[in-house]
Amino acid sequence: MLSEKEEAFIIYWKANRDKQRRLFRQFLLGIPLALLFVIPIVLNFFSGWYKRAAMMSSTSEFSPGVLLLALLLIVVFIAIFSRKLRWEQNEQRYTELLSRKKKQAEIQKK
């Protein structure tokens, strides 16, 4: 027998699984987690506590575009990866609950 939470999850996921599968939506929902990684990197870089990094950032070899690109790639990767992983976990749970529900229905028919 499925619990109320499991039944509620089946109903919720059946209604929302296609909407949450879209890449743009996954990106938007994953941005807060990605910013938890990027903001400390930016604060650490610009705080100046590491003198050698501060010296390198003031030379002509330093390209702020490369730093910006790296931070942007980190945000995109973590945002999409984390939400895709979450979607896959929910989909796995959904299929397991459906198979368990089907199995219980077959047992009750006998």
PDB file of N, CA and C in Angstrom:
ATOM      1  N   MET A   1       0.836  -1.178   0.000  1.00  0.00           N
ATOM      2  CA  MET A   1       0.000   0.000   0.000  1.00  0.00           C
ATOM      3  C   MET A   1       0.884   1.245   0.000  1.00  0.00           C
ATOM      4  N   LEU A   2       0.588   2.174  -0.850  1.00  0.00           N
ATOM      5  CA  LEU A   2       1.351   3.418  -0.940  1.00  0.00           C
ATOM      6  C   LEU A   2       0.857   4.402   0.115  1.00  0.00           C
ATOM      7  N   SER A   3       1.785   5.163   0.663  1.00  0.00           N
ATOM      8  CA  SER A   3       1.413   6.176   1.648  1.00  0.00           C
ATOM      9  C   SER A   3       0.781   7.386   0.947  1.00  0.00           C
ATOM     10  N   GLU A   4       0.250   8.291   1.736  1.00  0.00           N
ATOM     11  CA  GLU A   4      -0.364   9.495   1.176  1.00  0.00           C
ATOM     12  C   GLU A   4       0.664  10.366   0.464  1.00  0.00           C
ATOM     13  N   LYS A   5       1.859  10.433   1.036  1.00  0.00           N
ATOM     14  CA  LYS A   5       2.926  11.227   0.409  1.00  0.00           C
ATOM     15  C   LYS A   5       3.297  10.655  -0.951  1.00  0.00           C
ATOM     16  N   GLU A   6       3.375   9.352  -1.027  1.00  0.00           N
ATOM     17  CA  GLU A   6       3.742   8.717  -2.291  1.00  0.00           C
ATOM     18  C   GLU A   6       2.650   8.909  -3.339  1.00  0.00           C
ATOM     19  N   GLU A   7       1.403   8.798  -2.930  1.00  0.00           N
ATOM     20  CA  GLU A   7       0.286   9.049  -3.853  1.00  0.00           C
ATOM     21  C   GLU A   7       0.289  10.501  -4.328  1.00  0.00           C
ATOM     22  N   ALA A   8       0.559  11.421  -3.391  1.00  0.00           N
ATOM     23  CA  ALA A   8       0.615  12.841  -3.746  1.00  0.00           C
ATOM     24  C   ALA A   8       1.766  13.110  -4.709  1.00  0.00           C
ATOM     25  N   PHE A   9       2.892  12.437  -4.490  1.00  0.00           N
ATOM     26  CA  PHE A   9       4.033  12.612  -5.392  1.00  0.00           C
ATOM     27  C   PHE A   9       3.703  12.105  -6.792  1.00  0.00           C
ATOM     28  N   ILE A  10       3.033  10.963  -6.879  1.00  0.00           N
ATOM     29  CA  ILE A  10       2.661  10.417  -8.191  1.00  0.00           C
ATOM     30  C   ILE A  10       1.773  11.403  -8.943  1.00  0.00           C
ATOM     31  N   ILE A  11       0.798  11.962  -8.257  1.00  0.00           N
ATOM     32  CA  ILE A  11      -0.106  12.932  -8.892  1.00  0.00           C
ATOM     33  C   ILE A  11       0.660  14.182  -9.317  1.00  0.00           C
ATOM     34  N   TYR A  12       1.507  14.692  -8.416  1.00  0.00           N
ATOM     35  CA  TYR A  12       2.285  15.900  -8.714  1.00  0.00           C
ATOM     36  C   TYR A  12       3.222  15.676  -9.895  1.00  0.00           C
ATOM     37  N   TRP A  13       3.961  14.566  -9.873  1.00  0.00           N
ATOM     38  CA  TRP A  13       4.971  14.347 -10.907  1.00  0.00           C
ATOM     39  C   TRP A  13       4.334  14.053 -12.257  1.00  0.00           C
ATOM     40  N   LYS A  14       3.184  13.387 -12.239  1.00  0.00           N
ATOM     41  CA  LYS A  14       2.483  13.125 -13.491  1.00  0.00           C
ATOM     42  C   LYS A  14       2.066  14.434 -14.154  1.00  0.00           C
ATOM     43  N   ALA A  15       1.686  15.420 -13.356  1.00  0.00           N
ATOM     44  CA  ALA A  15       1.243  16.709 -13.883  1.00  0.00           C
ATOM     45  C   ALA A  15       2.410  17.619 -14.277  1.00  0.00           C
ATOM     46  N   ASN A  16       3.551  17.497 -13.618  1.00  0.00           N
ATOM     47  CA  ASN A  16       4.639  18.464 -13.796  1.00  0.00           C
ATOM     48  C   ASN A  16       5.916  17.919 -14.414  1.00  0.00           C
ATOM     49  N   ARG A  17       5.962  16.659 -14.755  1.00  0.00           N
ATOM     50  CA  ARG A  17       7.232  16.100 -15.211  1.00  0.00           C
ATOM     51  C   ARG A  17       7.695  16.689 -16.537  1.00  0.00           C
ATOM     52  N   ASP A  18       6.791  16.927 -17.461  1.00  0.00           N
ATOM     53  CA  ASP A  18       7.194  17.494 -18.754  1.00  0.00           C
ATOM     54  C   ASP A  18       7.622  18.950 -18.625  1.00  0.00           C
ATOM     55  N   LYS A  19       6.947  19.676 -17.761  1.00  0.00           N
ATOM     56  CA  LYS A  19       7.289  21.082 -17.562  1.00  0.00           C
ATOM     57  C   LYS A  19       8.682  21.220 -16.940  1.00  0.00           C
ATOM     58  N   GLN A  20       9.008  20.346 -15.994  1.00  0.00           N
ATOM     59  CA  GLN A  20      10.305  20.437 -15.326  1.00  0.00           C
ATOM     60  C   GLN A  20      11.432  19.827 -16.127  1.00  0.00           C
ATOM     61  N   ARG A  21      11.111  19.180 -17.233  1.00  0.00           N
ATOM     62  CA  ARG A  21      12.156  18.579 -18.058  1.00  0.00           C
ATOM     63  C   ARG A  21      12.795  19.592 -18.995  1.00  0.00           C
ATOM     64  N   ARG A  22      12.147  20.711 -19.223  1.00  0.00           N
ATOM     65  CA  ARG A  22      12.669  21.712 -20.154  1.00  0.00           C
ATOM     66  C   ARG A  22      14.001  22.274 -19.658  1.00  0.00           C
ATOM     67  N   LEU A  23      14.933  22.426 -20.580  1.00  0.00           N
ATOM     68  CA  LEU A  23      16.289  22.855 -20.252  1.00  0.00           C
ATOM     69  C   LEU A  23      16.322  24.256 -19.661  1.00  0.00           C
ATOM     70  N   PHE A  24      15.561  25.173 -20.236  1.00  0.00           N
ATOM     71  CA  PHE A  24      15.584  26.552 -19.742  1.00  0.00           C
ATOM     72  C   PHE A  24      15.048  26.626 -18.321  1.00  0.00           C
ATOM     73  N   ARG A  25      13.997  25.875 -18.038  1.00  0.00           N
ATOM     74  CA  ARG A  25      13.437  25.863 -16.690  1.00  0.00           C
ATOM     75  C   ARG A  25      14.438  25.257 -15.700  1.00  0.00           C
ATOM     76  N   GLN A  26      15.121  24.205 -16.116  1.00  0.00           N
ATOM     77  CA  GLN A  26      16.134  23.601 -15.251  1.00  0.00           C
ATOM     78  C   GLN A  26      17.250  24.598 -14.958  1.00  0.00           C
ATOM     79  N   PHE A  27      17.624  25.347 -15.979  1.00  0.00           N
ATOM     80  CA  PHE A  27      18.665  26.351 -15.791  1.00  0.00           C
ATOM     81  C   PHE A  27      18.222  27.420 -14.791  1.00  0.00           C
ATOM     82  N   LEU A  28      17.012  27.928 -14.963  1.00  0.00           N
ATOM     83  CA  LEU A  28      16.523  28.974 -14.064  1.00  0.00           C
ATOM     84  C   LEU A  28      16.393  28.487 -12.629  1.00  0.00           C
ATOM     85  N   LEU A  29      15.930  27.263 -12.446  1.00  0.00           N
ATOM     86  CA  LEU A  29      15.775  26.739 -11.094  1.00  0.00           C
ATOM     87  C   LEU A  29      17.112  26.375 -10.457  1.00  0.00           C
ATOM     88  N   GLY A  30      18.131  26.124 -11.261  1.00  0.00           N
ATOM     89  CA  GLY A  30      19.434  25.739 -10.734  1.00  0.00           C
ATOM     90  C   GLY A  30      20.366  26.895 -10.462  1.00  0.00           C
ATOM     91  N   ILE A  31      20.005  28.098 -10.890  1.00  0.00           N
ATOM     92  CA  ILE A  31      20.891  29.251 -10.711  1.00  0.00           C
ATOM     93  C   ILE A  31      21.220  29.536  -9.237  1.00  0.00           C
ATOM     94  N   PRO A  32      20.267  29.500  -8.313  1.00  0.00           N
ATOM     95  CA  PRO A  32      20.643  29.784  -6.916  1.00  0.00           C
ATOM     96  C   PRO A  32      21.719  28.852  -6.375  1.00  0.00           C
ATOM     97  N   LEU A  33      21.638  27.573  -6.685  1.00  0.00           N
ATOM     98  CA  LEU A  33      22.670  26.641  -6.229  1.00  0.00           C
ATOM     99  C   LEU A  33      24.008  26.960  -6.880  1.00  0.00           C
ATOM    100  N   ALA A  34      23.980  27.297  -8.146  1.00  0.00           N
ATOM    101  CA  ALA A  34      25.218  27.619  -8.859  1.00  0.00           C
ATOM    102  C   ALA A  34      25.862  28.878  -8.286  1.00  0.00           C
ATOM    103  N   LEU A  35      25.044  29.829  -7.908  1.00  0.00           N
ATOM    104  CA  LEU A  35      25.593  31.061  -7.321  1.00  0.00           C
ATOM    105  C   LEU A  35      26.239  30.799  -5.964  1.00  0.00           C
ATOM    106  N   LEU A  36      25.801  29.761  -5.273  1.00  0.00           N
ATOM    107  CA  LEU A  36      26.455  29.393  -4.017  1.00  0.00           C
ATOM    108  C   LEU A  36      27.894  28.955  -4.242  1.00  0.00           C
ATOM    109  N   PHE A  37      28.213  28.515  -5.436  1.00  0.00           N
ATOM    110  CA  PHE A  37      29.583  28.155  -5.766  1.00  0.00           C
ATOM    111  C   PHE A  37      30.379  29.347  -6.294  1.00  0.00           C
ATOM    112  N   VAL A  38      29.745  30.180  -7.092  1.00  0.00           N
ATOM    113  CA  VAL A  38      30.459  31.248  -7.787  1.00  0.00           C
ATOM    114  C   VAL A  38      30.719  32.458  -6.892  1.00  0.00           C
ATOM    115  N   ILE A  39      29.774  32.827  -6.072  1.00  0.00           N
ATOM    116  CA  ILE A  39      29.941  34.018  -5.226  1.00  0.00           C
ATOM    117  C   ILE A  39      31.153  33.899  -4.298  1.00  0.00           C
ATOM    118  N   PRO A  40      31.376  32.764  -3.622  1.00  0.00           N
ATOM    119  CA  PRO A  40      32.602  32.673  -2.813  1.00  0.00           C
ATOM    120  C   PRO A  40      33.887  32.773  -3.639  1.00  0.00           C
ATOM    121  N   ILE A  41      33.856  32.262  -4.863  1.00  0.00           N
ATOM    122  CA  ILE A  41      35.044  32.375  -5.721  1.00  0.00           C
ATOM    123  C   ILE A  41      35.326  33.836  -6.030  1.00  0.00           C
ATOM    124  N   VAL A  42      34.282  34.581  -6.378  1.00  0.00           N
ATOM    125  CA  VAL A  42      34.447  36.001  -6.698  1.00  0.00           C
ATOM    126  C   VAL A  42      34.908  36.779  -5.461  1.00  0.00           C
ATOM    127  N   LEU A  43      34.275  36.513  -4.328  1.00  0.00           N
ATOM    128  CA  LEU A  43      34.676  37.206  -3.095  1.00  0.00           C
ATOM    129  C   LEU A  43      36.113  36.883  -2.725  1.00  0.00           C
ATOM    130  N   ASN A  44      36.498  35.639  -2.887  1.00  0.00           N
ATOM    131  CA  ASN A  44      37.860  35.231  -2.588  1.00  0.00           C
ATOM    132  C   ASN A  44      38.855  35.901  -3.531  1.00  0.00           C
ATOM    133  N   PHE A  45      38.501  36.010  -4.788  1.00  0.00           N
ATOM    134  CA  PHE A  45      39.409  36.614  -5.770  1.00  0.00           C
ATOM    135  C   PHE A  45      39.611  38.110  -5.516  1.00  0.00           C
ATOM    136  N   PHE A  46      38.503  38.805  -5.240  1.00  0.00           N
ATOM    137  CA  PHE A  46      38.598  40.250  -5.091  1.00  0.00           C
ATOM    138  C   PHE A  46      38.880  40.723  -3.664  1.00  0.00           C
ATOM    139  N   SER A  47      38.947  39.826  -2.713  1.00  0.00           N
ATOM    140  CA  SER A  47      39.226  40.249  -1.336  1.00  0.00           C
ATOM    141  C   SER A  47      40.680  40.672  -1.162  1.00  0.00           C
ATOM    142  N   GLY A  48      41.566  40.096  -1.959  1.00  0.00           N
ATOM    143  CA  GLY A  48      42.962  40.500  -1.908  1.00  0.00           C
ATOM    144  C   GLY A  48      43.768  39.810  -0.829  1.00  0.00           C
ATOM    145  N   TRP A  49      43.249  38.798  -0.204  1.00  0.00           N
ATOM    146  CA  TRP A  49      43.991  38.143   0.873  1.00  0.00           C
ATOM    147  C   TRP A  49      45.142  37.313   0.329  1.00  0.00           C
ATOM    148  N   TYR A  50      45.029  36.839  -0.897  1.00  0.00           N
ATOM    149  CA  TYR A  50      46.117  36.085  -1.500  1.00  0.00           C
ATOM    150  C   TYR A  50      46.905  37.051  -2.386  1.00  0.00           C
ATOM    151  N   LYS A  51      48.053  37.463  -1.912  1.00  0.00           N
ATOM    152  CA  LYS A  51      48.830  38.525  -2.561  1.00  0.00           C
ATOM    153  C   LYS A  51      49.292  38.147  -3.963  1.00  0.00           C
ATOM    154  N   ARG A  52      49.648  36.895  -4.167  1.00  0.00           N
ATOM    155  CA  ARG A  52      50.138  36.498  -5.480  1.00  0.00           C
ATOM    156  C   ARG A  52      49.035  36.594  -6.536  1.00  0.00           C
ATOM    157  N   ALA A  53      47.817  36.209  -6.162  1.00  0.00           N
ATOM    158  CA  ALA A  53      46.692  36.327  -7.092  1.00  0.00           C
ATOM    159  C   ALA A  53      46.405  37.797  -7.382  1.00  0.00           C
ATOM    160  N   ALA A  54      46.530  38.638  -6.367  1.00  0.00           N
ATOM    161  CA  ALA A  54      46.311  40.067  -6.578  1.00  0.00           C
ATOM    162  C   ALA A  54      47.368  40.644  -7.518  1.00  0.00           C
ATOM    163  N   MET A  55      48.607  40.180  -7.383  1.00  0.00           N
ATOM    164  CA  MET A  55      49.671  40.649  -8.272  1.00  0.00           C
ATOM    165  C   MET A  55      49.427  40.186  -9.704  1.00  0.00           C
ATOM    166  N   MET A  56      48.976  38.941  -9.874  1.00  0.00           N
ATOM    167  CA  MET A  56      48.724  38.421 -11.216  1.00  0.00           C
ATOM    168  C   MET A  56      47.541  39.124 -11.872  1.00  0.00           C
ATOM    169  N   SER A  57      46.560  39.516 -11.074  1.00  0.00           N
ATOM    170  CA  SER A  57      45.386  40.161 -11.663  1.00  0.00           C
ATOM    171  C   SER A  57      45.690  41.585 -12.125  1.00  0.00           C
ATOM    172  N   SER A  58      46.775  42.154 -11.627  1.00  0.00           N
ATOM    173  CA  SER A  58      47.106  43.515 -12.043  1.00  0.00           C
ATOM    174  C   SER A  58      48.092  43.551 -13.216  1.00  0.00           C
ATOM    175  N   THR A  59      48.542  42.398 -13.682  1.00  0.00           N
ATOM    176  CA  THR A  59      49.467  42.370 -14.818  1.00  0.00           C
ATOM    177  C   THR A  59      48.702  42.388 -16.132  1.00  0.00           C
ATOM    178  N   SER A  60      49.451  42.569 -17.202  1.00  0.00           N
ATOM    179  CA  SER A  60      48.823  42.596 -18.526  1.00  0.00           C
ATOM    180  C   SER A  60      48.449  41.197 -19.019  1.00  0.00           C
ATOM    181  N   GLU A  61      48.977  40.156 -18.376  1.00  0.00           N
ATOM    182  CA  GLU A  61      48.664  38.788 -18.771  1.00  0.00           C
ATOM    183  C   GLU A  61      47.266  38.367 -18.322  1.00  0.00           C
ATOM    184  N   PHE A  62      46.744  39.045 -17.321  1.00  0.00           N
ATOM    185  CA  PHE A  62      45.434  38.693 -16.777  1.00  0.00           C
ATOM    186  C   PHE A  62      44.327  39.184 -17.706  1.00  0.00           C
ATOM    187  N   SER A  63      43.398  38.287 -17.993  1.00  0.00           N
ATOM    188  CA  SER A  63      42.280  38.634 -18.849  1.00  0.00           C
ATOM    189  C   SER A  63      40.979  38.475 -18.054  1.00  0.00           C
ATOM    190  N   PRO A  64      40.310  39.584 -17.764  1.00  0.00           N
ATOM    191  CA  PRO A  64      39.058  39.467 -17.010  1.00  0.00           C
ATOM    192  C   PRO A  64      37.982  38.697 -17.784  1.00  0.00           C
ATOM    193  N   GLY A  65      38.094  38.688 -19.093  1.00  0.00           N
ATOM    194  CA  GLY A  65      37.142  37.937 -19.904  1.00  0.00           C
ATOM    195  C   GLY A  65      37.225  36.446 -19.643  1.00  0.00           C
ATOM    196  N   VAL A  66      38.446  35.951 -19.437  1.00  0.00           N
ATOM    197  CA  VAL A  66      38.628  34.525 -19.152  1.00  0.00           C
ATOM    198  C   VAL A  66      38.020  34.185 -17.793  1.00  0.00           C
ATOM    199  N   LEU A  67      38.224  35.059 -16.803  1.00  0.00           N
ATOM    200  CA  LEU A  67      37.638  34.849 -15.492  1.00  0.00           C
ATOM    201  C   LEU A  67      36.111  34.869 -15.571  1.00  0.00           C
ATOM    202  N   LEU A  68      35.577  35.825 -16.289  1.00  0.00           N
ATOM    203  CA  LEU A  68      34.131  35.927 -16.454  1.00  0.00           C
ATOM    204  C   LEU A  68      33.566  34.707 -17.178  1.00  0.00           C
ATOM    205  N   LEU A  69      34.248  34.260 -18.215  1.00  0.00           N
ATOM    206  CA  LEU A  69      33.819  33.076 -18.951  1.00  0.00           C
ATOM    207  C   LEU A  69      33.850  31.838 -18.054  1.00  0.00           C
ATOM    208  N   ALA A  70      34.899  31.699 -17.269  1.00  0.00           N
ATOM    209  CA  ALA A  70      35.000  30.549 -16.361  1.00  0.00           C
ATOM    210  C   ALA A  70      33.862  30.565 -15.343  1.00  0.00           C
ATOM    211  N   LEU A  71      33.580  31.726 -14.780  1.00  0.00           N
ATOM    212  CA  LEU A  71      32.495  31.825 -13.805  1.00  0.00           C
ATOM    213  C   LEU A  71      31.143  31.532 -14.453  1.00  0.00           C
ATOM    214  N   LEU A  72      30.957  32.015 -15.657  1.00  0.00           N
ATOM    215  CA  LEU A  72      29.713  31.756 -16.380  1.00  0.00           C
ATOM    216  C   LEU A  72      29.562  30.263 -16.697  1.00  0.00           C
ATOM    217  N   LEU A  73      30.626  29.615 -17.105  1.00  0.00           N
ATOM    218  CA  LEU A  73      30.585  28.182 -17.375  1.00  0.00           C
ATOM    219  C   LEU A  73      30.286  27.379 -16.114  1.00  0.00           C
ATOM    220  N   ILE A  74      30.852  27.810 -14.992  1.00  0.00           N
ATOM    221  CA  ILE A  74      30.568  27.141 -13.722  1.00  0.00           C
ATOM    222  C   ILE A  74      29.092  27.261 -13.376  1.00  0.00           C
ATOM    223  N   VAL A  75      28.538  28.466 -13.539  1.00  0.00           N
ATOM    224  CA  VAL A  75      27.120  28.684 -13.237  1.00  0.00           C
ATOM    225  C   VAL A  75      26.240  27.817 -14.134  1.00  0.00           C
ATOM    226  N   VAL A  76      26.507  27.824 -15.414  1.00  0.00           N
ATOM    227  CA  VAL A  76      25.673  27.060 -16.356  1.00  0.00           C
ATOM    228  C   VAL A  76      25.765  25.566 -16.069  1.00  0.00           C
ATOM    229  N   PHE A  77      26.982  25.070 -15.877  1.00  0.00           N
ATOM    230  CA  PHE A  77      27.157  23.639 -15.641  1.00  0.00           C
ATOM    231  C   PHE A  77      26.466  23.193 -14.361  1.00  0.00           C
ATOM    232  N   ILE A  78      26.712  23.886 -13.263  1.00  0.00           N
ATOM    233  CA  ILE A  78      26.129  23.469 -11.989  1.00  0.00           C
ATOM    234  C   ILE A  78      24.616  23.627 -12.010  1.00  0.00           C
ATOM    235  N   ALA A  79      24.126  24.704 -12.589  1.00  0.00           N
ATOM    236  CA  ALA A  79      22.677  24.927 -12.633  1.00  0.00           C
ATOM    237  C   ALA A  79      21.971  23.816 -13.400  1.00  0.00           C
ATOM    238  N   ILE A  80      22.455  23.509 -14.577  1.00  0.00           N
ATOM    239  CA  ILE A  80      21.792  22.494 -15.402  1.00  0.00           C
ATOM    240  C   ILE A  80      22.025  21.095 -14.843  1.00  0.00           C
ATOM    241  N   PHE A  81      23.245  20.798 -14.449  1.00  0.00           N
ATOM    242  CA  PHE A  81      23.561  19.460 -13.946  1.00  0.00           C
ATOM    243  C   PHE A  81      22.768  19.130 -12.690  1.00  0.00           C
ATOM    244  N   SER A  82      22.685  20.076 -11.765  1.00  0.00           N
ATOM    245  CA  SER A  82      21.981  19.802 -10.511  1.00  0.00           C
ATOM    246  C   SER A  82      20.496  19.569 -10.745  1.00  0.00           C
ATOM    247  N   ARG A  83      19.885  20.343 -11.637  1.00  0.00           N
ATOM    248  CA  ARG A  83      18.455  20.175 -11.896  1.00  0.00           C
ATOM    249  C   ARG A  83      18.172  18.926 -12.726  1.00  0.00           C
ATOM    250  N   LYS A  84      19.067  18.583 -13.658  1.00  0.00           N
ATOM    251  CA  LYS A  84      18.881  17.346 -14.418  1.00  0.00           C
ATOM    252  C   LYS A  84      18.989  16.138 -13.491  1.00  0.00           C
ATOM    253  N   LEU A  85      19.936  16.185 -12.574  1.00  0.00           N
ATOM    254  CA  LEU A  85      20.085  15.105 -11.604  1.00  0.00           C
ATOM    255  C   LEU A  85      18.828  14.984 -10.748  1.00  0.00           C
ATOM    256  N   ARG A  86      18.313  16.108 -10.299  1.00  0.00           N
ATOM    257  CA  ARG A  86      17.088  16.109  -9.486  1.00  0.00           C
ATOM    258  C   ARG A  86      15.903  15.564 -10.295  1.00  0.00           C
ATOM    259  N   TRP A  87      15.806  15.942 -11.571  1.00  0.00           N
ATOM    260  CA  TRP A  87      14.728  15.446 -12.420  1.00  0.00           C
ATOM    261  C   TRP A  87      14.829  13.928 -12.582  1.00  0.00           C
ATOM    262  N   GLU A  88      16.033  13.440 -12.820  1.00  0.00           N
ATOM    263  CA  GLU A  88      16.236  12.007 -12.981  1.00  0.00           C
ATOM    264  C   GLU A  88      15.880  11.240 -11.709  1.00  0.00           C
ATOM    265  N   GLN A  89      16.224  11.801 -10.558  1.00  0.00           N
ATOM    266  CA  GLN A  89      15.879  11.153  -9.295  1.00  0.00           C
ATOM    267  C   GLN A  89      14.363  11.097  -9.111  1.00  0.00           C
ATOM    268  N   ASN A  90      13.682  12.182  -9.419  1.00  0.00           N
ATOM    269  CA  ASN A  90      12.225  12.198  -9.307  1.00  0.00           C
ATOM    270  C   ASN A  90      11.592  11.229 -10.297  1.00  0.00           C
ATOM    271  N   GLU A  91      12.123  11.173 -11.503  1.00  0.00           N
ATOM    272  CA  GLU A  91      11.593  10.258 -12.517  1.00  0.00           C
ATOM    273  C   GLU A  91      11.787   8.808 -12.081  1.00  0.00           C
ATOM    274  N   GLN A  92      12.931   8.501 -11.515  1.00  0.00           N
ATOM    275  CA  GLN A  92      13.203   7.155 -11.009  1.00  0.00           C
ATOM    276  C   GLN A  92      12.228   6.796  -9.894  1.00  0.00           C
ATOM    277  N   ARG A  93      12.026   7.720  -8.986  1.00  0.00           N
ATOM    278  CA  ARG A  93      11.077   7.488  -7.886  1.00  0.00           C
ATOM    279  C   ARG A  93       9.662   7.279  -8.423  1.00  0.00           C
ATOM    280  N   TYR A  94       9.291   8.080  -9.408  1.00  0.00           N
ATOM    281  CA  TYR A  94       7.963   7.980 -10.025  1.00  0.00           C
ATOM    282  C   TYR A  94       7.752   6.606 -10.657  1.00  0.00           C
ATOM    283  N   THR A  95       8.716   6.140 -11.426  1.00  0.00           N
ATOM    284  CA  THR A  95       8.571   4.842 -12.079  1.00  0.00           C
ATOM    285  C   THR A  95       8.551   3.703 -11.056  1.00  0.00           C
ATOM    286  N   GLU A  96       9.350   3.820  -9.998  1.00  0.00           N
ATOM    287  CA  GLU A  96       9.339   2.794  -8.959  1.00  0.00           C
ATOM    288  C   GLU A  96       7.993   2.749  -8.246  1.00  0.00           C
ATOM    289  N   LEU A  97       7.432   3.912  -7.943  1.00  0.00           N
ATOM    290  CA  LEU A  97       6.137   3.953  -7.267  1.00  0.00           C
ATOM    291  C   LEU A  97       5.029   3.413  -8.163  1.00  0.00           C
ATOM    292  N   LEU A  98       5.086   3.745  -9.451  1.00  0.00           N
ATOM    293  CA  LEU A  98       4.079   3.223 -10.372  1.00  0.00           C
ATOM    294  C   LEU A  98       4.158   1.702 -10.479  1.00  0.00           C
ATOM    295  N   SER A  99       5.362   1.164 -10.549  1.00  0.00           N
ATOM    296  CA  SER A  99       5.496  -0.290 -10.647  1.00  0.00           C
ATOM    297  C   SER A  99       5.046  -0.959  -9.355  1.00  0.00           C
ATOM    298  N   ARG A 100       5.338  -0.343  -8.232  1.00  0.00           N
ATOM    299  CA  ARG A 100       4.885  -0.894  -6.950  1.00  0.00           C
ATOM    300  C   ARG A 100       3.359  -0.847  -6.840  1.00  0.00           C
ATOM    301  N   LYS A 101       2.780   0.246  -7.320  1.00  0.00           N
ATOM    302  CA  LYS A 101       1.323   0.384  -7.314  1.00  0.00           C
ATOM    303  C   LYS A 101       0.683  -0.666  -8.217  1.00  0.00           C
ATOM    304  N   LYS A 102       1.270  -0.893  -9.370  1.00  0.00           N
ATOM    305  CA  LYS A 102       0.761  -1.885 -10.311  1.00  0.00           C
ATOM    306  C   LYS A 102       0.868  -3.289  -9.719  1.00  0.00           C
ATOM    307  N   LYS A 103       1.981  -3.560  -9.088  1.00  0.00           N
ATOM    308  CA  LYS A 103       2.198  -4.864  -8.473  1.00  0.00           C
ATOM    309  C   LYS A 103       1.178  -5.114  -7.360  1.00  0.00           C
ATOM    310  N   GLN A 104       0.902  -4.096  -6.552  1.00  0.00           N
ATOM    311  CA  GLN A 104      -0.072  -4.233  -5.469  1.00  0.00           C
ATOM    312  C   GLN A 104      -1.479  -4.425  -6.028  1.00  0.00           C
ATOM    313  N   ALA A 105      -1.777  -3.755  -7.144  1.00  0.00           N
ATOM    314  CA  ALA A 105      -3.088  -3.925  -7.760  1.00  0.00           C
ATOM    315  C   ALA A 105      -3.253  -5.358  -8.294  1.00  0.00           C
ATOM    316  N   GLU A 106      -2.195  -5.921  -8.837  1.00  0.00           N
ATOM    317  CA  GLU A 106      -2.253  -7.299  -9.321  1.00  0.00           C
ATOM    318  C   GLU A 106      -2.427  -8.278  -8.176  1.00  0.00           C
ATOM    319  N   ILE A 107      -1.778  -8.028  -7.072  1.00  0.00           N
ATOM    320  CA  ILE A 107      -1.890  -8.907  -5.891  1.00  0.00           C
ATOM    321  C   ILE A 107      -3.320  -8.845  -5.348  1.00  0.00           C
ATOM    322  N   GLN A 108      -3.885  -7.658  -5.316  1.00  0.00           N
ATOM    323  CA  GLN A 108      -5.246  -7.528  -4.790  1.00  0.00           C
ATOM    324  C   GLN A 108      -6.281  -8.175  -5.694  1.00  0.00           C
ATOM    325  N   LYS A 109      -6.024  -8.244  -7.007  1.00  0.00           N
ATOM    326  CA  LYS A 109      -6.951  -8.889  -7.925  1.00  0.00           C
ATOM    327  C   LYS A 109      -7.011 -10.388  -7.702  1.00  0.00           C
ATOM    328  N   LYS A 110      -5.904 -10.966  -7.277  1.00  0.00           N
ATOM    329  CA  LYS A 110      -5.840 -12.418  -7.065  1.00  0.00           C
ATOM    330  C   LYS A 110      -6.542 -12.754  -5.802  1.00  0.00           C
TER     331      LYS A 110
END
